[in-house]
N, C-alpha and C. Protein backbone atom coordinates (compact mmCIF):
# COMPACT_ATOMS: atom_id res chain seq x y z
N MET A 1 -11.99 10.76 6.34
CA MET A 1 -10.98 11.62 6.47
C MET A 1 -9.60 11.03 4.92
N ARG A 2 -9.94 11.68 4.36
CA ARG A 2 -8.90 11.34 3.49
C ARG A 2 -7.64 11.54 3.42
N HIS A 3 -6.33 11.07 3.34
CA HIS A 3 -4.80 11.20 3.91
C HIS A 3 -3.75 12.25 3.30
N GLU A 4 -4.09 13.26 2.32
CA GLU A 4 -3.66 14.00 1.84
C GLU A 4 -2.23 13.72 1.60
N SER A 5 -1.19 13.66 -0.27
CA SER A 5 0.25 12.73 0.34
C SER A 5 1.24 14.31 -0.41
N ARG A 6 0.21 15.13 -0.93
CA ARG A 6 0.71 16.11 -1.27
C ARG A 6 1.73 17.77 -0.65
N ALA A 7 1.17 16.81 0.80
CA ALA A 7 1.48 18.65 1.36
C ALA A 7 2.88 18.20 2.07
N ASP A 8 2.75 19.71 2.14
CA ASP A 8 4.31 19.56 2.93
C ASP A 8 4.75 19.07 3.75
N VAL A 9 5.61 18.09 3.91
CA VAL A 9 6.34 16.51 4.78
C VAL A 9 7.53 17.44 5.91
N SER A 10 7.29 16.56 6.74
CA SER A 10 8.32 17.42 8.11
C SER A 10 9.86 16.59 7.40
N PRO A 11 10.90 16.61 8.08
CA PRO A 11 12.03 16.06 7.51
C PRO A 11 11.95 13.99 7.92
N ARG A 12 13.27 13.83 7.51
CA ARG A 12 12.55 12.33 7.19
C ARG A 12 12.34 11.47 8.81
N PRO A 13 12.30 10.46 9.16
CA PRO A 13 12.83 10.31 10.14
C PRO A 13 13.91 10.00 10.54
N GLY A 14 14.44 10.40 12.19
CA GLY A 14 16.15 10.60 11.87
C GLY A 14 16.74 11.63 11.95
N GLY A 15 16.26 12.60 10.73
CA GLY A 15 16.44 13.81 10.91
C GLY A 15 16.83 15.01 11.85
N ALA A 16 16.77 16.25 10.97
CA ALA A 16 16.71 17.26 12.06
C ALA A 16 14.61 17.46 12.81
N GLY A 17 14.84 17.34 14.04
CA GLY A 17 13.25 18.32 14.50
C GLY A 17 12.50 16.40 14.80
N ALA A 18 13.01 16.11 14.35
CA ALA A 18 12.64 14.09 14.47
C ALA A 18 13.16 13.40 16.06
N GLY A 19 13.39 14.16 16.68
CA GLY A 19 14.66 13.66 17.78
C GLY A 19 13.89 14.16 19.02
N GLY A 20 13.03 15.26 18.89
CA GLY A 20 12.37 15.35 20.96
C GLY A 20 13.00 16.80 20.87
N GLY A 21 13.94 17.47 20.47
CA GLY A 21 15.74 18.15 21.28
C GLY A 21 14.68 19.95 21.30
N ALA A 22 15.53 20.21 22.06
CA ALA A 22 14.82 21.86 22.40
C ALA A 22 14.56 22.81 21.07
N GLY A 23 13.68 23.23 20.30
CA GLY A 23 13.10 24.46 19.64
C GLY A 23 12.23 23.84 18.90
N GLU A 24 11.71 25.30 18.02
CA GLU A 24 10.76 25.79 17.43
C GLU A 24 10.73 23.90 16.16
N GLY A 25 9.83 23.15 15.58
CA GLY A 25 9.48 22.04 15.49
C GLY A 25 9.42 20.82 16.29
N ALA A 26 10.37 20.74 17.42
CA ALA A 26 10.92 19.87 18.20
C ALA A 26 9.41 18.51 18.46
N VAL A 27 9.86 17.31 18.21
CA VAL A 27 8.53 16.19 18.67
C VAL A 27 8.81 16.17 19.55
N PRO A 28 7.36 15.70 20.49
CA PRO A 28 7.55 16.03 22.39
C PRO A 28 8.19 14.55 22.09
N ARG A 29 8.56 14.02 23.47
CA ARG A 29 9.60 12.69 23.84
C ARG A 29 8.68 11.58 23.66
N GLN A 30 7.21 11.62 24.38
CA GLN A 30 6.18 11.05 23.70
C GLN A 30 5.39 10.46 22.11
N GLU A 31 5.68 11.27 21.95
CA GLU A 31 5.50 11.77 19.79
C GLU A 31 6.14 11.05 19.40
N SER A 32 7.64 10.80 19.77
CA SER A 32 9.08 10.50 19.26
C SER A 32 9.00 8.62 19.90
N GLU A 33 8.23 8.98 21.17
CA GLU A 33 8.97 6.92 21.46
C GLU A 33 7.55 6.60 20.55
N ARG A 34 7.05 7.04 19.82
CA ARG A 34 5.39 6.69 19.60
C ARG A 34 5.51 5.91 18.47
N PHE A 35 6.40 7.33 17.28
CA PHE A 35 7.22 7.07 15.67
C PHE A 35 8.04 5.83 16.41
N ALA A 36 8.40 6.21 16.92
CA ALA A 36 9.50 5.19 16.82
C ALA A 36 8.60 3.65 17.04
N SER A 37 8.15 3.25 17.42
CA SER A 37 7.53 1.99 17.52
C SER A 37 7.01 1.95 15.63
N LEU A 38 5.35 2.89 15.58
CA LEU A 38 5.07 2.88 14.63
C LEU A 38 6.28 2.19 13.50
N PHE A 39 7.35 2.59 13.52
CA PHE A 39 8.28 2.54 12.17
C PHE A 39 8.63 0.57 12.63
N VAL A 40 9.07 0.57 14.19
CA VAL A 40 9.62 -0.42 13.92
C VAL A 40 8.63 -1.59 13.82
N ARG A 41 7.08 -1.64 13.90
CA ARG A 41 5.85 -2.26 13.74
C ARG A 41 5.66 -2.22 12.22
N HIS A 42 5.81 -1.08 11.19
CA HIS A 42 5.01 -1.78 10.54
C HIS A 42 5.76 -1.03 9.34
N ALA A 43 7.04 -0.40 8.55
CA ALA A 43 7.54 -0.17 7.69
C ALA A 43 8.09 -1.53 7.23
N PRO A 44 8.63 -2.35 7.74
CA PRO A 44 9.14 -4.34 6.82
C PRO A 44 8.00 -4.81 6.08
N GLU A 45 6.14 -4.79 6.59
CA GLU A 45 5.33 -4.92 5.47
C GLU A 45 4.71 -3.85 4.66
N LEU A 46 5.26 -2.48 5.43
CA LEU A 46 4.59 -1.12 4.57
C LEU A 46 6.35 -1.35 3.31
N LYS A 47 6.91 -2.09 3.30
CA LYS A 47 7.91 -1.72 1.96
C LYS A 47 7.38 -3.14 1.15
N ARG A 48 7.06 -4.06 1.74
CA ARG A 48 6.93 -5.41 1.03
C ARG A 48 5.58 -5.17 0.00
N TYR A 49 5.02 -4.21 0.66
CA TYR A 49 3.61 -3.63 0.35
C TYR A 49 4.23 -2.62 -2.19
N VAL A 50 4.56 -2.05 -1.04
CA VAL A 50 5.22 -0.61 -2.36
C VAL A 50 5.99 -1.60 -2.79
N VAL A 51 7.26 -2.50 -2.28
CA VAL A 51 7.54 -2.67 -3.59
C VAL A 51 6.80 -4.22 -4.68
N ARG A 52 5.94 -4.62 -4.46
CA ARG A 52 4.89 -5.62 -4.53
C ARG A 52 4.55 -4.44 -5.93
N ARG A 53 4.51 -3.55 -5.18
CA ARG A 53 3.06 -2.64 -6.79
C ARG A 53 4.65 -1.33 -7.58
N LEU A 54 5.61 -1.27 -7.22
CA LEU A 54 6.29 -0.75 -8.28
C LEU A 54 7.48 -1.06 -8.57
N GLY A 55 8.24 -2.03 -7.24
CA GLY A 55 10.06 -2.09 -7.54
C GLY A 55 10.28 -2.12 -6.49
N MET A 56 11.36 -2.61 -6.81
CA MET A 56 12.75 -1.37 -6.11
C MET A 56 12.85 -0.53 -5.61
N GLU A 57 13.32 0.11 -6.40
CA GLU A 57 13.69 1.15 -6.65
C GLU A 57 13.52 2.94 -6.40
N PRO A 58 11.19 2.50 -6.05
CA PRO A 58 10.80 3.87 -5.47
C PRO A 58 10.97 3.65 -3.80
N ALA A 59 11.08 1.65 -3.16
CA ALA A 59 10.45 1.80 -2.16
C ALA A 59 10.48 3.53 -0.96
N ASP A 60 11.89 2.60 -1.00
CA ASP A 60 12.26 3.09 -0.09
C ASP A 60 11.68 4.52 0.14
N ASP A 61 12.30 5.54 -0.97
CA ASP A 61 12.25 6.52 -1.12
C ASP A 61 10.07 6.68 0.00
N ILE A 62 9.14 6.16 -0.50
CA ILE A 62 8.04 6.09 -0.52
C ILE A 62 7.93 5.64 1.01
N VAL A 63 8.41 4.66 1.32
CA VAL A 63 8.13 4.35 3.16
C VAL A 63 8.34 5.61 3.50
N ALA A 64 9.77 6.08 3.72
CA ALA A 64 10.41 6.90 3.99
C ALA A 64 9.79 8.38 4.18
N GLU A 65 9.11 8.07 3.21
CA GLU A 65 7.77 9.87 3.26
C GLU A 65 6.53 9.02 3.67
N THR A 66 6.57 8.44 3.55
CA THR A 66 4.96 7.98 4.39
C THR A 66 5.43 7.82 5.83
N PHE A 67 6.18 8.04 6.25
CA PHE A 67 6.51 8.30 7.37
C PHE A 67 7.37 9.41 8.13
N ALA A 68 7.33 10.25 7.14
CA ALA A 68 7.59 11.73 7.07
C ALA A 68 6.40 12.69 7.24
N VAL A 69 5.21 12.25 7.49
CA VAL A 69 3.58 12.52 6.47
C VAL A 69 3.35 12.09 7.74
N ALA A 70 3.49 11.03 8.20
CA ALA A 70 3.26 10.48 9.87
C ALA A 70 3.24 11.03 11.01
N LEU A 71 4.64 11.02 10.98
CA LEU A 71 5.36 12.52 12.38
C LEU A 71 4.96 13.60 11.82
N GLN A 72 4.50 14.17 10.30
CA GLN A 72 3.79 15.07 10.67
C GLN A 72 2.73 15.38 11.31
N ARG A 73 1.49 14.30 11.14
CA ARG A 73 -0.12 14.43 11.73
C ARG A 73 -0.26 13.61 12.65
N LEU A 74 0.98 12.78 12.63
CA LEU A 74 1.19 12.32 14.17
C LEU A 74 -0.26 12.47 15.89
N GLU A 75 0.32 13.11 16.01
CA GLU A 75 -0.41 13.77 17.10
C GLU A 75 -1.59 14.76 17.23
N THR A 76 -2.39 14.86 15.75
CA THR A 76 -3.68 15.10 15.28
C THR A 76 -5.21 13.72 14.82
N TYR A 77 -3.39 12.51 14.91
CA TYR A 77 -4.30 11.51 14.63
C TYR A 77 -5.31 11.37 15.64
N ASP A 78 -6.62 10.87 15.00
CA ASP A 78 -8.21 10.48 15.60
C ASP A 78 -8.12 8.74 16.01
N GLU A 79 -7.84 8.65 17.06
CA GLU A 79 -7.57 7.17 17.72
C GLU A 79 -9.03 6.54 17.62
N GLY A 80 -9.70 7.20 17.49
CA GLY A 80 -11.29 6.64 17.11
C GLY A 80 -10.86 6.07 16.36
N LEU A 81 -10.46 6.09 15.04
CA LEU A 81 -9.98 5.21 13.53
C LEU A 81 -9.58 3.95 14.01
N GLY A 82 -9.21 3.75 14.98
CA GLY A 82 -8.38 2.46 15.10
C GLY A 82 -6.31 2.06 15.25
N ASP A 83 -5.79 0.97 14.97
CA ASP A 83 -5.02 1.61 15.27
C ASP A 83 -4.07 2.36 13.53
N GLU A 84 -3.46 2.65 14.02
CA GLU A 84 -2.59 3.14 12.67
C GLU A 84 -1.89 2.11 11.47
N ARG A 85 -2.54 1.49 11.60
CA ARG A 85 -2.05 0.61 10.37
C ARG A 85 -2.02 1.37 9.12
N ALA A 86 -4.01 1.00 8.90
CA ALA A 86 -4.65 1.02 7.73
C ALA A 86 -4.46 2.87 7.76
N TRP A 87 -4.36 4.10 8.70
CA TRP A 87 -3.56 4.68 8.25
C TRP A 87 -1.76 5.32 7.62
N LEU A 88 -1.47 4.08 7.84
CA LEU A 88 -0.40 4.79 6.83
C LEU A 88 -0.32 3.75 5.98
N TYR A 89 -1.20 3.49 5.81
CA TYR A 89 -1.53 2.65 4.62
C TYR A 89 -1.91 3.34 3.26
N GLY A 90 -3.10 3.82 4.14
CA GLY A 90 -3.36 5.26 3.16
C GLY A 90 -2.41 6.54 2.87
N ILE A 91 -1.78 6.80 3.90
CA ILE A 91 -0.85 7.93 2.79
C ILE A 91 0.51 7.55 1.68
N ALA A 92 0.45 5.50 1.78
CA ALA A 92 1.63 5.50 1.22
C ALA A 92 0.69 4.87 -0.20
N THR A 93 -0.70 4.53 -0.20
CA THR A 93 -1.13 4.17 -1.71
C THR A 93 -0.99 5.39 -2.18
N ASN A 94 -1.10 6.68 -1.25
CA ASN A 94 -1.33 8.39 -1.99
C ASN A 94 0.01 8.08 -2.76
N LEU A 95 1.35 8.15 -2.16
CA LEU A 95 2.07 8.70 -2.84
C LEU A 95 2.63 7.44 -3.75
N ILE A 96 1.89 5.76 -4.41
CA ILE A 96 2.40 5.12 -5.12
C ILE A 96 1.47 5.91 -6.25
N GLY A 97 0.06 6.84 -6.36
CA GLY A 97 -0.51 7.01 -7.22
C GLY A 97 0.03 7.68 -8.08
N ARG A 98 1.32 8.22 -7.48
CA ARG A 98 1.97 9.24 -8.09
C ARG A 98 3.21 8.82 -9.02
N HIS A 99 2.90 7.52 -8.98
CA HIS A 99 3.93 6.49 -9.86
C HIS A 99 2.78 5.60 -10.99
N ARG A 100 1.50 5.63 -11.15
CA ARG A 100 0.87 5.22 -11.73
C ARG A 100 1.11 4.86 -12.98
N ARG A 101 2.14 5.13 -13.35
CA ARG A 101 2.24 5.12 -14.72
C ARG A 101 3.85 3.89 -14.45
N ARG A 102 4.54 4.24 -13.70
CA ARG A 102 5.80 2.58 -13.58
C ARG A 102 4.47 1.82 -13.48
N GLU A 103 3.74 1.70 -12.03
CA GLU A 103 2.63 0.09 -12.03
C GLU A 103 2.73 -0.31 -12.55
N ILE A 104 2.26 0.24 -13.88
CA ILE A 104 1.10 -0.13 -14.73
C ILE A 104 2.13 -0.45 -16.16
N GLY A 105 3.52 -0.05 -17.07
CA GLY A 105 4.42 -0.16 -16.87
C GLY A 105 4.90 -1.68 -16.46
N LEU A 106 5.08 -1.76 -15.06
CA LEU A 106 5.08 -3.24 -14.38
C LEU A 106 4.58 -4.35 -14.38
N TYR A 107 3.63 -4.54 -14.71
CA TYR A 107 2.30 -5.09 -14.04
C TYR A 107 2.00 -5.44 -16.30
N LYS A 108 2.48 -4.05 -17.24
CA LYS A 108 2.52 -4.88 -18.67
C LYS A 108 3.60 -6.05 -19.02
N ALA A 109 4.81 -5.64 -18.73
CA ALA A 109 5.97 -5.61 -18.37
C ALA A 109 5.76 -7.62 -17.95
N LEU A 110 5.05 -7.78 -16.55
CA LEU A 110 5.34 -8.45 -16.55
C LEU A 110 4.24 -9.60 -16.66
N SER A 111 2.99 -9.16 -17.77
CA SER A 111 2.24 -9.81 -18.47
C SER A 111 2.74 -10.68 -19.83
N ARG A 112 3.80 -9.01 -20.19
CA ARG A 112 4.48 -9.88 -21.76
C ARG A 112 5.54 -11.34 -21.46
N THR A 113 6.06 -11.09 -19.64
CA THR A 113 7.14 -12.20 -19.83
C THR A 113 7.13 -13.68 -19.05
N GLY A 114 5.97 -13.51 -17.90
CA GLY A 114 5.72 -13.48 -16.85
C GLY A 114 7.67 -13.78 -16.03
N ALA A 115 8.07 -12.98 -16.02
CA ALA A 115 8.80 -12.70 -14.68
C ALA A 115 8.91 -11.75 -13.73
N ASP A 116 8.56 -12.12 -12.74
CA ASP A 116 8.68 -11.54 -11.78
C ASP A 116 9.80 -11.07 -10.69
N SER A 117 11.20 -10.92 -11.38
CA SER A 117 12.37 -10.44 -10.47
C SER A 117 12.56 -9.91 -9.31
N VAL A 118 11.70 -8.79 -10.14
CA VAL A 118 11.64 -7.72 -8.27
C VAL A 118 11.16 -7.95 -7.42
N THR A 119 9.61 -9.13 -7.31
CA THR A 119 9.68 -9.24 -5.90
C THR A 119 9.63 -10.71 -5.53
N GLU A 120 10.28 -11.22 -5.95
CA GLU A 120 10.64 -13.05 -5.80
C GLU A 120 11.12 -12.96 -4.75
N PRO A 121 12.16 -11.49 -4.25
CA PRO A 121 12.23 -12.04 -2.65
C PRO A 121 11.59 -11.92 -1.82
N PHE A 122 10.51 -11.39 -1.99
CA PHE A 122 9.51 -11.42 -1.10
C PHE A 122 7.65 -12.16 -1.09
N THR A 123 8.16 -13.29 -2.04
CA THR A 123 6.91 -14.32 -2.89
C THR A 123 6.16 -14.88 -1.05
N ASP A 124 5.44 -15.02 -1.71
CA ASP A 124 4.91 -16.17 -0.80
C ASP A 124 4.46 -17.30 -1.47
N GLU A 125 3.83 -18.36 -0.32
CA GLU A 125 3.42 -20.17 -1.41
C GLU A 125 2.20 -19.29 -1.83
N VAL A 126 1.36 -18.74 -1.55
CA VAL A 126 0.36 -18.67 -2.79
C VAL A 126 0.63 -17.35 -4.50
N ASP A 127 1.74 -17.04 -4.18
CA ASP A 127 2.34 -16.08 -5.34
C ASP A 127 3.39 -17.04 -6.04
N ARG A 128 4.22 -18.55 -5.05
CA ARG A 128 4.12 -18.91 -5.90
C ARG A 128 3.15 -20.53 -6.77
N ARG A 129 2.16 -20.44 -6.55
CA ARG A 129 1.17 -21.23 -6.74
C ARG A 129 0.44 -20.41 -7.83
N VAL A 130 0.88 -19.11 -8.14
CA VAL A 130 0.13 -18.36 -8.36
C VAL A 130 1.34 -18.30 -10.48
N ALA A 131 2.33 -18.48 -9.73
CA ALA A 131 3.68 -18.67 -10.97
C ALA A 131 3.17 -20.00 -11.76
N ALA A 132 3.40 -20.68 -10.87
CA ALA A 132 2.87 -22.08 -11.22
C ALA A 132 2.06 -23.08 -12.59
N SER A 133 0.74 -21.60 -11.97
CA SER A 133 -0.43 -22.09 -12.92
C SER A 133 -0.44 -21.16 -13.80
N GLY A 134 0.94 -20.61 -14.39
CA GLY A 134 0.28 -20.08 -15.24
C GLY A 134 -0.66 -18.61 -15.19
N VAL A 135 -0.70 -18.56 -14.57
CA VAL A 135 -1.57 -17.17 -14.09
C VAL A 135 -1.30 -16.15 -13.68
N ARG A 136 -0.03 -15.72 -13.53
CA ARG A 136 0.34 -14.39 -12.65
C ARG A 136 0.30 -13.29 -14.43
N ARG A 137 0.42 -14.04 -15.69
CA ARG A 137 0.84 -12.60 -16.44
C ARG A 137 -0.97 -12.52 -17.23
N ARG A 138 -2.07 -13.22 -16.97
CA ARG A 138 -3.09 -12.37 -16.66
C ARG A 138 -3.53 -11.87 -16.01
N LEU A 139 -3.01 -12.40 -14.94
CA LEU A 139 -3.63 -11.59 -13.26
C LEU A 139 -3.40 -9.60 -13.84
N ALA A 140 -1.62 -9.97 -14.06
CA ALA A 140 -1.00 -8.59 -14.26
C ALA A 140 -1.20 -7.55 -15.29
N LYS A 141 -1.90 -8.78 -16.44
CA LYS A 141 -2.80 -7.43 -17.13
C LYS A 141 -4.20 -6.89 -16.39
N ALA A 142 -4.08 -8.04 -15.71
CA ALA A 142 -6.01 -7.76 -15.64
C ALA A 142 -6.07 -6.30 -14.27
N LEU A 143 -4.84 -6.39 -13.35
CA LEU A 143 -4.05 -5.14 -12.51
C LEU A 143 -3.84 -4.17 -13.66
N ALA A 144 -3.01 -4.44 -14.38
CA ALA A 144 -2.87 -2.81 -15.68
C ALA A 144 -4.46 -2.22 -15.59
N GLY A 145 -5.26 -2.71 -15.99
CA GLY A 145 -6.76 -2.77 -17.54
C GLY A 145 -7.00 -2.43 -15.67
N LEU A 146 -7.48 -2.02 -14.35
CA LEU A 146 -8.41 -1.71 -13.15
C LEU A 146 -8.11 0.02 -13.48
N SER A 147 -8.68 0.88 -13.17
CA SER A 147 -9.04 1.99 -12.63
C SER A 147 -7.83 1.82 -11.29
N GLN A 148 -7.33 3.20 -11.13
CA GLN A 148 -7.37 3.44 -10.03
C GLN A 148 -7.86 3.54 -8.93
N LYS A 149 -8.86 4.06 -8.22
CA LYS A 149 -9.03 3.26 -6.74
C LYS A 149 -9.55 1.94 -6.89
N HIS A 150 -10.13 1.44 -8.16
CA HIS A 150 -10.39 -0.55 -8.12
C HIS A 150 -9.10 -1.23 -7.72
N ARG A 151 -7.78 -0.62 -8.40
CA ARG A 151 -6.63 -1.14 -8.14
C ARG A 151 -6.41 -1.60 -6.94
N ASP A 152 -6.15 0.20 -6.56
CA ASP A 152 -5.71 0.21 -4.57
C ASP A 152 -6.82 -0.15 -3.52
N THR A 153 -7.86 0.21 -4.00
CA THR A 153 -8.85 -1.07 -2.93
C THR A 153 -8.62 -2.70 -2.85
N ILE A 154 -8.86 -3.31 -4.29
CA ILE A 154 -9.02 -4.31 -4.32
C ILE A 154 -7.11 -4.75 -4.15
N LEU A 155 -6.05 -4.22 -3.73
CA LEU A 155 -4.91 -4.60 -3.53
C LEU A 155 -4.53 -4.49 -2.59
N LEU A 156 -5.44 -3.45 -1.46
CA LEU A 156 -5.24 -3.45 0.06
C LEU A 156 -6.08 -4.42 1.14
N VAL A 157 -7.14 -4.76 0.56
CA VAL A 157 -7.94 -5.23 0.67
C VAL A 157 -7.20 -7.21 1.02
N THR A 158 -6.29 -7.02 -0.22
CA THR A 158 -6.58 -8.08 -0.78
C THR A 158 -4.38 -9.09 -0.56
N TRP A 159 -3.54 -7.89 -0.75
CA TRP A 159 -1.83 -8.03 -0.13
C TRP A 159 -2.14 -7.67 0.58
N THR A 160 -2.57 -6.60 1.70
CA THR A 160 -2.45 -6.42 3.37
C THR A 160 -3.25 -6.71 4.21
N GLU A 161 -4.23 -7.28 4.16
CA GLU A 161 -5.03 -8.15 4.74
C GLU A 161 -5.75 -7.33 5.54
N LEU A 162 -6.42 -6.10 5.26
CA LEU A 162 -6.55 -4.70 5.78
C LEU A 162 -7.61 -5.64 5.56
N THR A 163 -8.95 -4.83 6.91
CA THR A 163 -10.81 -5.43 6.74
C THR A 163 -11.27 -3.83 5.70
N TYR A 164 -12.50 -4.19 4.86
CA TYR A 164 -13.29 -3.16 4.74
C TYR A 164 -12.94 -1.73 5.21
N GLU A 165 -13.43 -2.23 6.74
CA GLU A 165 -13.58 -0.94 7.38
C GLU A 165 -11.92 -0.06 7.30
N GLU A 166 -11.08 -0.78 8.22
CA GLU A 166 -9.80 -0.66 7.52
C GLU A 166 -9.28 0.22 5.97
N ALA A 167 -9.50 -0.37 5.41
CA ALA A 167 -9.53 0.49 4.35
C ALA A 167 -10.69 1.19 3.51
N ALA A 168 -11.39 0.97 4.53
CA ALA A 168 -11.66 3.02 4.16
C ALA A 168 -11.58 3.87 5.06
N VAL A 169 -10.81 3.27 6.16
CA VAL A 169 -10.22 4.50 6.25
C VAL A 169 -8.83 4.83 5.64
N ALA A 170 -8.05 4.29 5.61
CA ALA A 170 -6.87 4.22 4.75
C ALA A 170 -7.78 5.09 3.13
N LEU A 171 -8.84 5.29 2.92
CA LEU A 171 -9.01 5.59 1.40
C LEU A 171 -9.57 6.69 1.92
N GLY A 172 -10.18 7.52 3.04
CA GLY A 172 -11.17 7.30 3.22
C GLY A 172 -12.51 8.68 2.06
N VAL A 173 -12.62 6.52 2.39
CA VAL A 173 -14.52 6.81 1.75
C VAL A 173 -15.29 6.37 2.90
N PRO A 174 -16.16 5.82 2.45
CA PRO A 174 -17.39 4.56 3.45
C PRO A 174 -17.06 3.18 2.86
N VAL A 175 -17.43 3.03 3.68
CA VAL A 175 -17.58 0.93 3.49
C VAL A 175 -18.06 0.29 2.80
N GLY A 176 -18.88 0.74 2.18
CA GLY A 176 -20.59 0.36 1.69
C GLY A 176 -19.12 1.41 0.40
N THR A 177 -18.51 2.19 -0.46
CA THR A 177 -17.86 2.35 -1.32
C THR A 177 -16.51 1.13 -1.69
N VAL A 178 -15.74 0.81 -0.44
CA VAL A 178 -15.02 -0.47 -0.91
C VAL A 178 -15.74 -1.31 -0.98
N ARG A 179 -16.87 -2.29 -0.31
CA ARG A 179 -17.49 -3.18 -0.39
C ARG A 179 -17.48 -3.29 -2.11
N SER A 180 -18.32 -1.74 -2.55
CA SER A 180 -19.16 -1.63 -4.14
C SER A 180 -17.29 -2.31 -5.38
N ARG A 181 -16.24 -1.48 -4.36
CA ARG A 181 -14.96 -1.61 -5.54
C ARG A 181 -14.37 -2.76 -5.86
N VAL A 182 -14.24 -2.91 -4.67
CA VAL A 182 -13.97 -4.96 -4.22
C VAL A 182 -14.66 -6.29 -5.12
N ASN A 183 -16.16 -5.46 -4.66
CA ASN A 183 -16.97 -7.12 -6.65
C ASN A 183 -16.69 -6.27 -7.41
N ARG A 184 -16.06 -5.37 -7.79
CA ARG A 184 -16.18 -4.80 -8.88
C ARG A 184 -15.00 -4.91 -9.39
N ALA A 185 -13.51 -4.73 -8.89
CA ALA A 185 -12.71 -5.27 -8.91
C ALA A 185 -12.11 -7.20 -9.48
N ARG A 186 -13.21 -7.50 -7.98
CA ARG A 186 -13.42 -8.64 -8.54
C ARG A 186 -13.97 -9.54 -9.28
N SER A 187 -15.03 -9.76 -10.11
CA SER A 187 -15.82 -9.44 -10.69
C SER A 187 -14.99 -9.39 -11.86
N LYS A 188 -14.38 -8.18 -12.37
CA LYS A 188 -13.12 -8.13 -13.20
C LYS A 188 -12.36 -9.20 -12.85
N LEU A 189 -11.59 -9.27 -12.25
CA LEU A 189 -10.48 -10.20 -12.28
C LEU A 189 -10.47 -11.40 -12.23
N ARG A 190 -11.62 -12.40 -12.46
CA ARG A 190 -11.93 -13.25 -12.52
C ARG A 190 -12.51 -13.91 -13.82
N ARG A 191 -13.06 -12.70 -14.30
CA ARG A 191 -13.13 -12.54 -16.22
C ARG A 191 -12.24 -13.26 -16.91
N ALA A 192 -11.18 -12.49 -16.19
CA ALA A 192 -9.85 -12.20 -17.09
C ALA A 192 -8.94 -13.06 -17.40
N LEU A 193 -9.46 -13.65 -15.25
CA LEU A 193 -8.69 -15.57 -15.56
C LEU A 193 -9.73 -16.47 -15.54
N ALA A 194 -10.59 -16.66 -16.57
CA ALA A 194 -11.70 -17.46 -16.71
C ALA A 194 -11.01 -19.14 -16.38
N GLY A 195 -11.46 -19.91 -15.76
CA GLY A 195 -11.61 -21.13 -15.27
C GLY A 195 -10.59 -20.91 -14.41
N ILE A 196 -9.87 -20.25 -13.45
CA ILE A 196 -8.93 -20.33 -12.75
C ILE A 196 -9.76 -19.86 -11.24
N ASP A 197 -9.36 -21.13 -10.01
CA ASP A 197 -10.06 -20.51 -8.81
C ASP A 197 -9.21 -19.14 -7.92
N PRO A 198 -10.62 -18.51 -8.66
CA PRO A 198 -10.52 -17.06 -7.61
C PRO A 198 -10.30 -16.84 -6.17
N ASN A 199 -9.68 -17.49 -5.74
CA ASN A 199 -9.45 -17.71 -3.91
C ASN A 199 -8.03 -17.70 -4.39
N ILE A 200 -6.96 -17.93 -5.53
CA ILE A 200 -6.26 -16.92 -5.60
C ILE A 200 -5.65 -15.70 -5.59
N VAL A 201 -6.60 -15.67 -6.58
CA VAL A 201 -6.54 -14.08 -6.86
C VAL A 201 -7.04 -12.74 -5.47
N ASP A 202 -7.78 -14.13 -4.75
CA ASP A 202 -7.98 -13.16 -3.69
C ASP A 202 -7.18 -13.47 -2.58
N GLU A 203 -6.73 -14.16 -2.08
CA GLU A 203 -5.42 -14.51 -1.75
C GLU A 203 -3.87 -13.57 -1.07
N GLY A 204 -4.18 -13.44 -3.44
CA GLY A 204 -2.73 -12.79 -3.67
C GLY A 204 -2.26 -11.39 -3.47
């Protein structure tokens, strides 16, 4: 199932209606505690993912809206789909889609300059190896050239380490579609990074 992001959302976490008090629209205590647990467990890594794609400026708002949507729909979440982590990434990915021009602009700027000061506080060893090898510019240009659906899929699988099954839940598509998109995206990235170890791209 696809988790649409354009629907009206309930107040942001911590606002009116999020505390389980009396009155119409109040969240039951059990759901409130479940929501709080989700936020503590997943908000930091979710923000890291958004920052890598869009930079710092919109990250807090997107994470807050992601959890606002989640709070609104938590009671009806199908637990048969597994852990809510993939579901949350699906909501965030839909919201990121509203900022497509910003994302592509950041990749293009990175491809020209090689500087990535926006995400530097969040970089890991793989990122540093990519930068040191001079791959980052070509990788950024290649990511900008992918279609939205292929970029969403490859980044969910590589940057968040979702399994193909979890990515399918996040995107609301069959697992076979995820596999096809990932294979196509990786092929395009490998061509753009000719002569560079493709495992760096897969990990990063």
